[in-house]
């Protein structure tokens, strides 16, 4: 974790610098909402390499996003300094796991611009079916466990509580 932690991001999270491109902005000169999902994806790709090792690529083995939820908290404007995107594991099941994510400003900016959750399922690409996570995968994910980010949808009937 960085020396300048983002609020409400667990210590187990890994924070990655992600470049905000001029083309990421919308007509209001704010980062377009779809870009946050791309920032989550980019951080997730880096995290998988760090969590599972360079010799093993979980993405090549098969991993599908099955759901995503995002709270857009504050409009983010362009900066030459990279945004900081935190990613951590919130839950691990037999074949799926959930990641927490937060997009923060560059170093020195403790603003969290968006927060979200992404649920992924391990997938057998050849057999075209979900597969169980292995012991090594479970152990790697457990090392980066933290609480699930609280989202607005959690407060609605049928939400997480």
N, C-alpha and C. Protein backbone atom coordinates (compact mmCIF):
# COMPACT_ATOMS: atom_id res chain seq x y z
N UNK A 1 0.85 -1.19 0.00
CA UNK A 1 0.00 0.00 0.00
C UNK A 1 0.88 1.24 0.00
N UNK A 2 0.43 2.27 -0.61
CA UNK A 2 1.18 3.51 -0.73
C UNK A 2 1.31 4.21 0.62
N UNK A 3 2.26 5.14 0.71
CA UNK A 3 2.42 5.94 1.93
C UNK A 3 1.27 6.92 2.09
N UNK A 4 0.50 7.12 1.05
CA UNK A 4 -0.62 8.05 1.03
C UNK A 4 -1.89 7.25 0.78
N UNK A 5 -2.39 6.52 1.80
CA UNK A 5 -3.51 5.61 1.57
C UNK A 5 -4.79 6.33 1.19
N UNK A 6 -5.63 5.62 0.46
CA UNK A 6 -6.95 6.14 0.11
C UNK A 6 -7.93 5.79 1.23
N UNK A 7 -8.86 6.70 1.52
CA UNK A 7 -9.85 6.42 2.58
C UNK A 7 -10.69 5.18 2.27
N UNK A 8 -10.99 4.42 3.30
CA UNK A 8 -11.86 3.24 3.21
C UNK A 8 -11.33 2.16 2.27
N UNK A 9 -10.02 2.12 2.09
CA UNK A 9 -9.39 1.06 1.30
C UNK A 9 -8.60 0.20 2.29
N UNK A 10 -8.86 -1.10 2.34
CA UNK A 10 -8.18 -1.95 3.33
C UNK A 10 -6.68 -2.05 3.09
N UNK A 11 -5.97 -2.30 4.16
CA UNK A 11 -4.51 -2.41 4.09
C UNK A 11 -4.07 -3.53 3.16
N UNK A 12 -4.90 -4.55 2.96
CA UNK A 12 -4.54 -5.67 2.09
C UNK A 12 -4.60 -5.31 0.60
N UNK A 13 -5.18 -4.18 0.28
CA UNK A 13 -5.31 -3.77 -1.13
C UNK A 13 -3.95 -3.44 -1.73
N UNK A 14 -3.85 -3.65 -3.02
CA UNK A 14 -2.69 -3.19 -3.77
C UNK A 14 -3.17 -2.03 -4.63
N UNK A 15 -2.36 -0.98 -4.67
CA UNK A 15 -2.73 0.22 -5.41
C UNK A 15 -1.83 0.34 -6.62
N UNK A 16 -2.45 0.54 -7.77
CA UNK A 16 -1.73 0.65 -9.04
C UNK A 16 -1.92 2.03 -9.64
N UNK A 17 -0.86 2.61 -10.20
CA UNK A 17 -1.02 3.88 -10.93
C UNK A 17 -1.61 3.57 -12.31
N UNK A 18 -2.69 4.23 -12.64
CA UNK A 18 -3.36 4.03 -13.92
C UNK A 18 -3.46 5.39 -14.61
N UNK A 19 -2.97 5.46 -15.83
CA UNK A 19 -2.98 6.71 -16.57
C UNK A 19 -4.40 7.09 -16.99
N UNK A 20 -4.76 8.32 -16.71
CA UNK A 20 -6.02 8.88 -17.18
C UNK A 20 -5.70 9.59 -18.50
N UNK A 21 -6.33 9.12 -19.56
CA UNK A 21 -6.05 9.68 -20.89
C UNK A 21 -7.04 10.81 -21.19
N UNK A 22 -6.59 11.73 -22.00
CA UNK A 22 -7.46 12.83 -22.42
C UNK A 22 -8.73 12.28 -23.05
N UNK A 23 -8.63 11.19 -23.79
CA UNK A 23 -9.80 10.59 -24.45
C UNK A 23 -10.75 9.92 -23.46
N UNK A 24 -10.37 9.79 -22.19
CA UNK A 24 -11.26 9.23 -21.17
C UNK A 24 -12.33 10.22 -20.72
N UNK A 25 -12.18 11.48 -21.10
CA UNK A 25 -13.10 12.52 -20.63
C UNK A 25 -14.36 12.57 -21.47
N UNK A 26 -15.45 13.01 -20.83
CA UNK A 26 -16.72 13.18 -21.54
C UNK A 26 -16.91 14.64 -21.92
N UNK A 27 -18.08 14.98 -22.37
CA UNK A 27 -18.37 16.35 -22.83
C UNK A 27 -18.30 17.38 -21.70
N UNK A 28 -18.36 16.92 -20.44
CA UNK A 28 -18.29 17.82 -19.29
C UNK A 28 -16.87 17.94 -18.73
N UNK A 29 -15.90 17.34 -19.44
CA UNK A 29 -14.49 17.35 -19.04
C UNK A 29 -14.25 16.54 -17.76
N UNK A 30 -15.11 15.55 -17.53
CA UNK A 30 -14.94 14.60 -16.42
C UNK A 30 -14.65 13.24 -17.02
N UNK A 31 -14.02 12.37 -16.24
CA UNK A 31 -13.80 11.00 -16.70
C UNK A 31 -15.17 10.36 -16.93
N UNK A 32 -15.36 9.80 -18.10
CA UNK A 32 -16.61 9.15 -18.47
C UNK A 32 -16.83 7.92 -17.60
N UNK A 33 -18.09 7.66 -17.23
CA UNK A 33 -18.38 6.58 -16.28
C UNK A 33 -17.88 5.21 -16.75
N UNK A 34 -17.90 4.92 -18.03
CA UNK A 34 -17.45 3.60 -18.50
C UNK A 34 -15.94 3.42 -18.27
N UNK A 35 -15.21 4.51 -18.21
CA UNK A 35 -13.75 4.41 -18.03
C UNK A 35 -13.39 3.82 -16.67
N UNK A 36 -14.22 4.05 -15.67
CA UNK A 36 -13.92 3.50 -14.34
C UNK A 36 -13.88 1.98 -14.39
N UNK A 37 -14.77 1.38 -15.18
CA UNK A 37 -14.74 -0.08 -15.33
C UNK A 37 -13.44 -0.51 -16.01
N UNK A 38 -12.95 0.29 -16.94
CA UNK A 38 -11.67 -0.01 -17.58
C UNK A 38 -10.52 0.14 -16.59
N UNK A 39 -10.59 1.13 -15.71
CA UNK A 39 -9.55 1.29 -14.69
C UNK A 39 -9.56 0.08 -13.75
N UNK A 40 -10.76 -0.37 -13.36
CA UNK A 40 -10.87 -1.58 -12.53
C UNK A 40 -10.24 -2.77 -13.25
N UNK A 41 -10.53 -2.90 -14.53
CA UNK A 41 -10.00 -4.01 -15.31
C UNK A 41 -8.48 -3.96 -15.39
N UNK A 42 -7.94 -2.80 -15.66
CA UNK A 42 -6.48 -2.68 -15.77
C UNK A 42 -5.80 -3.03 -14.45
N UNK A 43 -6.33 -2.51 -13.35
CA UNK A 43 -5.76 -2.83 -12.05
C UNK A 43 -5.88 -4.32 -11.75
N UNK A 44 -7.01 -4.92 -12.15
CA UNK A 44 -7.23 -6.36 -11.93
C UNK A 44 -6.20 -7.19 -12.68
N UNK A 45 -5.87 -6.80 -13.91
CA UNK A 45 -4.87 -7.53 -14.70
C UNK A 45 -3.51 -7.47 -13.99
N UNK A 46 -3.13 -6.29 -13.52
CA UNK A 46 -1.86 -6.16 -12.78
C UNK A 46 -1.91 -6.97 -11.48
N UNK A 47 -3.05 -6.92 -10.80
CA UNK A 47 -3.18 -7.65 -9.53
C UNK A 47 -3.02 -9.15 -9.75
N UNK A 48 -3.64 -9.68 -10.79
CA UNK A 48 -3.53 -11.12 -11.04
C UNK A 48 -2.08 -11.53 -11.23
N UNK A 49 -1.30 -10.73 -11.91
CA UNK A 49 0.13 -11.06 -12.07
C UNK A 49 0.84 -11.03 -10.73
N UNK A 50 0.52 -10.03 -9.90
CA UNK A 50 1.17 -9.93 -8.58
C UNK A 50 0.70 -11.05 -7.65
N UNK A 51 -0.58 -11.37 -7.69
CA UNK A 51 -1.14 -12.35 -6.76
C UNK A 51 -0.81 -13.78 -7.14
N UNK A 52 -0.82 -14.07 -8.43
CA UNK A 52 -0.67 -15.45 -8.88
C UNK A 52 0.69 -15.73 -9.51
N UNK A 53 1.53 -14.71 -9.66
CA UNK A 53 2.88 -14.92 -10.18
C UNK A 53 2.99 -14.68 -11.67
N UNK A 54 4.19 -14.39 -12.09
CA UNK A 54 4.46 -14.10 -13.49
C UNK A 54 4.42 -15.35 -14.37
N UNK A 55 4.69 -16.51 -13.78
CA UNK A 55 4.74 -17.73 -14.57
C UNK A 55 3.35 -18.29 -14.86
N UNK A 56 2.33 -17.71 -14.26
CA UNK A 56 0.98 -18.23 -14.36
C UNK A 56 0.03 -17.10 -14.69
N UNK A 57 -0.77 -17.26 -15.69
CA UNK A 57 -1.70 -16.19 -16.05
C UNK A 57 -3.13 -16.68 -15.89
N UNK A 58 -3.77 -16.22 -14.84
CA UNK A 58 -5.13 -16.63 -14.53
C UNK A 58 -6.09 -16.26 -15.64
N UNK A 59 -5.81 -15.15 -16.32
CA UNK A 59 -6.69 -14.72 -17.41
C UNK A 59 -6.64 -15.73 -18.55
N UNK A 60 -5.43 -16.20 -18.91
CA UNK A 60 -5.30 -17.20 -19.97
C UNK A 60 -5.96 -18.52 -19.59
N UNK A 61 -5.97 -18.83 -18.30
CA UNK A 61 -6.59 -20.07 -17.84
C UNK A 61 -8.11 -19.99 -17.88
N UNK A 62 -8.65 -18.80 -17.86
CA UNK A 62 -10.09 -18.62 -17.94
C UNK A 62 -10.68 -17.95 -16.71
N UNK A 63 -11.16 -16.75 -16.91
CA UNK A 63 -11.78 -15.98 -15.84
C UNK A 63 -12.79 -15.05 -16.50
N UNK A 64 -14.04 -15.10 -16.03
CA UNK A 64 -15.09 -14.26 -16.60
C UNK A 64 -15.64 -13.30 -15.56
N UNK A 65 -15.90 -12.08 -15.96
CA UNK A 65 -16.62 -11.13 -15.12
C UNK A 65 -18.09 -11.48 -15.23
N UNK A 66 -18.75 -11.69 -14.10
CA UNK A 66 -20.18 -12.02 -14.12
C UNK A 66 -21.05 -10.89 -13.59
N UNK A 67 -20.46 -9.97 -12.82
CA UNK A 67 -21.22 -8.79 -12.41
C UNK A 67 -20.27 -7.70 -11.94
N UNK A 68 -20.75 -6.46 -12.08
CA UNK A 68 -20.00 -5.30 -11.61
C UNK A 68 -20.99 -4.29 -11.05
N UNK A 69 -20.59 -3.62 -10.00
CA UNK A 69 -21.39 -2.54 -9.43
C UNK A 69 -20.43 -1.39 -9.11
N UNK A 70 -20.84 -0.18 -9.45
CA UNK A 70 -19.97 0.99 -9.26
C UNK A 70 -20.78 2.12 -8.66
N UNK A 71 -20.20 2.78 -7.67
CA UNK A 71 -20.71 4.05 -7.19
C UNK A 71 -19.77 5.14 -7.68
N UNK A 72 -20.30 6.09 -8.41
CA UNK A 72 -19.54 7.25 -8.86
C UNK A 72 -19.72 8.32 -7.80
N UNK A 73 -18.65 8.67 -7.12
CA UNK A 73 -18.76 9.51 -5.94
C UNK A 73 -18.53 10.99 -6.22
N UNK A 74 -17.50 11.29 -7.00
CA UNK A 74 -17.12 12.67 -7.31
C UNK A 74 -16.61 12.68 -8.74
N UNK A 75 -17.00 13.67 -9.56
CA UNK A 75 -16.45 13.72 -10.92
C UNK A 75 -14.93 13.90 -10.89
N UNK A 76 -14.23 13.11 -11.68
CA UNK A 76 -12.77 13.21 -11.76
C UNK A 76 -12.39 13.93 -13.04
N UNK A 77 -11.49 14.89 -12.91
CA UNK A 77 -11.01 15.64 -14.06
C UNK A 77 -9.66 15.10 -14.50
N UNK A 78 -9.22 15.54 -15.65
CA UNK A 78 -7.93 15.11 -16.19
C UNK A 78 -6.78 15.57 -15.30
N UNK A 79 -5.78 14.72 -15.19
CA UNK A 79 -4.54 15.06 -14.50
C UNK A 79 -3.41 14.35 -15.23
N UNK A 80 -2.27 15.02 -15.31
CA UNK A 80 -1.11 14.38 -15.92
C UNK A 80 -0.56 13.27 -15.02
N UNK A 81 -0.76 13.40 -13.72
CA UNK A 81 -0.33 12.36 -12.79
C UNK A 81 -1.34 11.22 -12.83
N UNK A 82 -0.88 9.98 -12.74
CA UNK A 82 -1.82 8.85 -12.82
C UNK A 82 -2.76 8.79 -11.62
N UNK A 83 -3.96 8.30 -11.89
CA UNK A 83 -4.90 7.98 -10.81
C UNK A 83 -4.34 6.78 -10.06
N UNK A 84 -4.85 6.55 -8.87
CA UNK A 84 -4.48 5.35 -8.11
C UNK A 84 -5.71 4.46 -8.02
N UNK A 85 -5.53 3.20 -8.43
CA UNK A 85 -6.65 2.26 -8.41
C UNK A 85 -6.29 1.12 -7.46
N UNK A 86 -7.09 0.99 -6.41
CA UNK A 86 -6.88 -0.05 -5.41
C UNK A 86 -7.74 -1.25 -5.75
N UNK A 87 -7.19 -2.44 -5.51
CA UNK A 87 -7.94 -3.68 -5.74
C UNK A 87 -7.60 -4.66 -4.61
N UNK A 88 -8.63 -5.36 -4.14
CA UNK A 88 -8.46 -6.35 -3.09
C UNK A 88 -9.56 -7.39 -3.23
N UNK A 89 -9.40 -8.51 -2.56
CA UNK A 89 -10.39 -9.58 -2.59
C UNK A 89 -11.35 -9.41 -1.41
N UNK A 90 -12.65 -9.56 -1.67
CA UNK A 90 -13.68 -9.42 -0.62
C UNK A 90 -14.31 -10.74 -0.23
N UNK A 91 -14.33 -11.68 -1.17
CA UNK A 91 -15.03 -12.93 -0.92
C UNK A 91 -14.50 -13.98 -1.88
N UNK A 92 -14.40 -15.22 -1.40
CA UNK A 92 -13.94 -16.32 -2.25
C UNK A 92 -14.90 -17.49 -2.07
N UNK A 93 -15.42 -18.00 -3.19
CA UNK A 93 -16.30 -19.16 -3.16
C UNK A 93 -15.62 -20.34 -3.83
N UNK A 94 -16.39 -21.34 -4.17
CA UNK A 94 -15.84 -22.54 -4.78
C UNK A 94 -15.33 -22.28 -6.19
N UNK A 95 -16.07 -21.47 -6.96
CA UNK A 95 -15.70 -21.20 -8.35
C UNK A 95 -15.62 -19.72 -8.65
N UNK A 96 -16.03 -18.88 -7.71
CA UNK A 96 -16.06 -17.44 -7.97
C UNK A 96 -15.39 -16.68 -6.83
N UNK A 97 -15.11 -15.42 -7.11
CA UNK A 97 -14.59 -14.53 -6.09
C UNK A 97 -14.99 -13.11 -6.42
N UNK A 98 -14.95 -12.27 -5.39
CA UNK A 98 -15.37 -10.88 -5.54
C UNK A 98 -14.20 -9.98 -5.18
N UNK A 99 -14.01 -8.95 -6.00
CA UNK A 99 -12.96 -7.97 -5.76
C UNK A 99 -13.59 -6.63 -5.40
N UNK A 100 -12.96 -5.93 -4.49
CA UNK A 100 -13.31 -4.54 -4.21
C UNK A 100 -12.34 -3.66 -4.98
N UNK A 101 -12.82 -2.51 -5.41
CA UNK A 101 -11.99 -1.58 -6.18
C UNK A 101 -12.32 -0.16 -5.76
N UNK A 102 -11.33 0.70 -5.85
CA UNK A 102 -11.54 2.13 -5.60
C UNK A 102 -10.62 2.90 -6.52
N UNK A 103 -11.15 3.96 -7.12
CA UNK A 103 -10.34 4.84 -7.97
C UNK A 103 -10.12 6.12 -7.18
N UNK A 104 -8.85 6.39 -6.92
CA UNK A 104 -8.49 7.60 -6.20
C UNK A 104 -7.68 8.52 -7.07
N UNK A 105 -7.52 9.72 -6.58
CA UNK A 105 -6.73 10.71 -7.30
C UNK A 105 -5.25 10.38 -7.24
N UNK A 106 -4.45 11.20 -7.91
CA UNK A 106 -3.00 10.99 -7.88
C UNK A 106 -2.45 11.14 -6.46
N UNK A 107 -1.22 10.74 -6.26
CA UNK A 107 -0.57 10.88 -4.95
C UNK A 107 -0.78 12.30 -4.46
N UNK A 108 -1.14 12.42 -3.20
CA UNK A 108 -1.41 13.72 -2.61
C UNK A 108 -2.89 14.10 -2.65
N UNK A 109 -3.67 13.41 -3.45
CA UNK A 109 -5.12 13.64 -3.55
C UNK A 109 -5.79 12.42 -2.93
N UNK A 110 -6.36 12.58 -1.76
CA UNK A 110 -6.98 11.46 -1.05
C UNK A 110 -8.45 11.26 -1.43
N UNK A 111 -8.89 11.92 -2.48
CA UNK A 111 -10.28 11.77 -2.93
C UNK A 111 -10.48 10.39 -3.55
N UNK A 112 -11.56 9.73 -3.17
CA UNK A 112 -11.98 8.50 -3.84
C UNK A 112 -13.11 8.91 -4.79
N UNK A 113 -12.87 8.74 -6.08
CA UNK A 113 -13.80 9.18 -7.11
C UNK A 113 -14.86 8.13 -7.44
N UNK A 114 -14.50 6.87 -7.29
CA UNK A 114 -15.46 5.79 -7.56
C UNK A 114 -15.05 4.58 -6.72
N UNK A 115 -16.06 3.79 -6.40
CA UNK A 115 -15.84 2.58 -5.61
C UNK A 115 -16.69 1.49 -6.25
N UNK A 116 -16.21 0.26 -6.23
CA UNK A 116 -17.01 -0.78 -6.85
C UNK A 116 -16.64 -2.18 -6.42
N UNK A 117 -17.45 -3.11 -6.92
CA UNK A 117 -17.22 -4.54 -6.71
C UNK A 117 -17.32 -5.23 -8.05
N UNK A 118 -16.50 -6.24 -8.22
CA UNK A 118 -16.51 -7.04 -9.44
C UNK A 118 -16.53 -8.51 -9.02
N UNK A 119 -17.47 -9.27 -9.55
CA UNK A 119 -17.52 -10.71 -9.28
C UNK A 119 -17.03 -11.44 -10.51
N UNK A 120 -16.10 -12.37 -10.29
CA UNK A 120 -15.52 -13.16 -11.37
C UNK A 120 -15.74 -14.63 -11.10
N UNK A 121 -15.80 -15.41 -12.16
CA UNK A 121 -15.91 -16.86 -12.03
C UNK A 121 -14.77 -17.49 -12.81
N UNK A 122 -14.15 -18.50 -12.19
CA UNK A 122 -13.12 -19.27 -12.89
C UNK A 122 -13.83 -20.06 -13.98
N UNK A 123 -13.20 -20.13 -15.15
CA UNK A 123 -13.89 -20.69 -16.31
C UNK A 123 -12.95 -21.59 -17.10
N UNK A 124 -13.46 -22.75 -17.46
CA UNK A 124 -12.72 -23.68 -18.31
C UNK A 124 -13.00 -23.28 -19.76
N UNK A 125 -12.03 -22.64 -20.40
CA UNK A 125 -12.22 -22.14 -21.76
C UNK A 125 -12.48 -23.25 -22.76
N UNK A 126 -11.80 -24.37 -22.59
CA UNK A 126 -11.97 -25.49 -23.51
C UNK A 126 -13.34 -26.14 -23.35
N UNK A 127 -13.71 -26.40 -22.10
CA UNK A 127 -15.00 -27.06 -21.82
C UNK A 127 -16.18 -26.10 -21.82
N UNK A 128 -15.89 -24.81 -21.82
CA UNK A 128 -16.93 -23.76 -21.81
C UNK A 128 -17.87 -23.89 -20.62
N UNK A 129 -17.28 -24.16 -19.45
CA UNK A 129 -18.06 -24.28 -18.22
C UNK A 129 -17.27 -23.66 -17.06
N UNK A 130 -17.99 -23.23 -16.03
CA UNK A 130 -17.27 -22.77 -14.84
C UNK A 130 -16.43 -23.90 -14.27
N UNK A 131 -15.35 -23.54 -13.59
CA UNK A 131 -14.50 -24.53 -12.93
C UNK A 131 -14.28 -24.10 -11.49
N UNK A 132 -13.88 -25.03 -10.67
CA UNK A 132 -13.58 -24.72 -9.27
C UNK A 132 -12.21 -24.04 -9.18
N UNK A 133 -12.10 -23.13 -8.24
CA UNK A 133 -10.81 -22.53 -7.95
C UNK A 133 -9.94 -23.57 -7.26
N UNK A 134 -8.67 -23.59 -7.60
CA UNK A 134 -7.74 -24.51 -6.97
C UNK A 134 -7.25 -23.99 -5.63
N UNK A 135 -6.56 -24.85 -4.89
CA UNK A 135 -6.02 -24.48 -3.58
C UNK A 135 -5.06 -23.30 -3.67
N UNK A 136 -4.21 -23.29 -4.70
CA UNK A 136 -3.24 -22.20 -4.87
C UNK A 136 -3.98 -20.89 -5.12
N UNK A 137 -5.03 -20.94 -5.93
CA UNK A 137 -5.82 -19.73 -6.21
C UNK A 137 -6.51 -19.23 -4.95
N UNK A 138 -7.13 -20.15 -4.19
CA UNK A 138 -7.76 -19.77 -2.93
C UNK A 138 -6.76 -19.12 -1.98
N UNK A 139 -5.60 -19.73 -1.84
CA UNK A 139 -4.58 -19.21 -0.92
C UNK A 139 -4.11 -17.82 -1.35
N UNK A 140 -3.89 -17.64 -2.65
CA UNK A 140 -3.44 -16.33 -3.15
C UNK A 140 -4.49 -15.26 -2.88
N UNK A 141 -5.74 -15.56 -3.14
CA UNK A 141 -6.81 -14.59 -2.93
C UNK A 141 -6.97 -14.25 -1.44
N UNK A 142 -6.82 -15.25 -0.58
CA UNK A 142 -6.95 -15.02 0.87
C UNK A 142 -5.92 -14.02 1.39
N UNK A 143 -4.76 -13.94 0.74
CA UNK A 143 -3.70 -13.01 1.19
C UNK A 143 -4.10 -11.56 0.99
N UNK A 144 -5.08 -11.29 0.15
CA UNK A 144 -5.45 -9.92 -0.18
C UNK A 144 -6.90 -9.62 0.21
N UNK A 145 -7.36 -10.29 1.28
CA UNK A 145 -8.74 -10.13 1.72
C UNK A 145 -8.93 -8.84 2.50
N UNK A 146 -10.08 -8.24 2.26
CA UNK A 146 -10.50 -7.06 2.99
C UNK A 146 -12.01 -6.98 2.94
N UNK A 147 -12.59 -6.05 3.67
CA UNK A 147 -14.04 -5.94 3.66
C UNK A 147 -14.56 -5.46 2.31
N UNK A 148 -15.76 -5.88 2.00
CA UNK A 148 -16.41 -5.47 0.76
C UNK A 148 -16.73 -3.98 0.84
N UNK A 149 -16.49 -3.24 -0.23
CA UNK A 149 -16.84 -1.81 -0.20
C UNK A 149 -18.35 -1.64 -0.08
N UNK A 150 -18.76 -0.68 0.71
CA UNK A 150 -20.19 -0.38 0.87
C UNK A 150 -20.63 0.47 -0.30
N UNK A 151 -21.63 0.00 -1.01
CA UNK A 151 -22.17 0.71 -2.16
C UNK A 151 -23.60 1.16 -1.88
N UNK A 152 -24.06 2.12 -2.63
CA UNK A 152 -25.43 2.63 -2.46
C UNK A 152 -26.45 1.51 -2.62
N UNK A 153 -26.20 0.60 -3.55
CA UNK A 153 -27.15 -0.49 -3.79
C UNK A 153 -27.28 -1.42 -2.58
N UNK A 154 -26.31 -1.40 -1.68
CA UNK A 154 -26.37 -2.23 -0.48
C UNK A 154 -27.49 -1.77 0.46
N UNK A 155 -27.90 -0.52 0.34
CA UNK A 155 -28.91 0.04 1.24
C UNK A 155 -30.33 -0.15 0.74
N UNK A 156 -30.46 -0.63 -0.49
CA UNK A 156 -31.80 -0.84 -1.07
C UNK A 156 -32.36 -2.18 -0.61
N UNK A 157 -33.68 -2.32 -0.63
CA UNK A 157 -34.26 -3.63 -0.30
C UNK A 157 -33.67 -4.69 -1.22
N UNK A 158 -33.26 -5.79 -0.64
CA UNK A 158 -32.65 -6.86 -1.41
C UNK A 158 -31.15 -6.67 -1.57
N UNK A 159 -30.61 -5.53 -1.08
CA UNK A 159 -29.17 -5.28 -1.15
C UNK A 159 -28.46 -6.05 -0.04
N UNK A 160 -27.21 -5.74 0.16
CA UNK A 160 -26.40 -6.46 1.14
C UNK A 160 -26.69 -6.08 2.58
N UNK A 161 -27.46 -5.11 2.82
CA UNK A 161 -27.80 -4.78 4.20
C UNK A 161 -27.42 -3.43 4.52
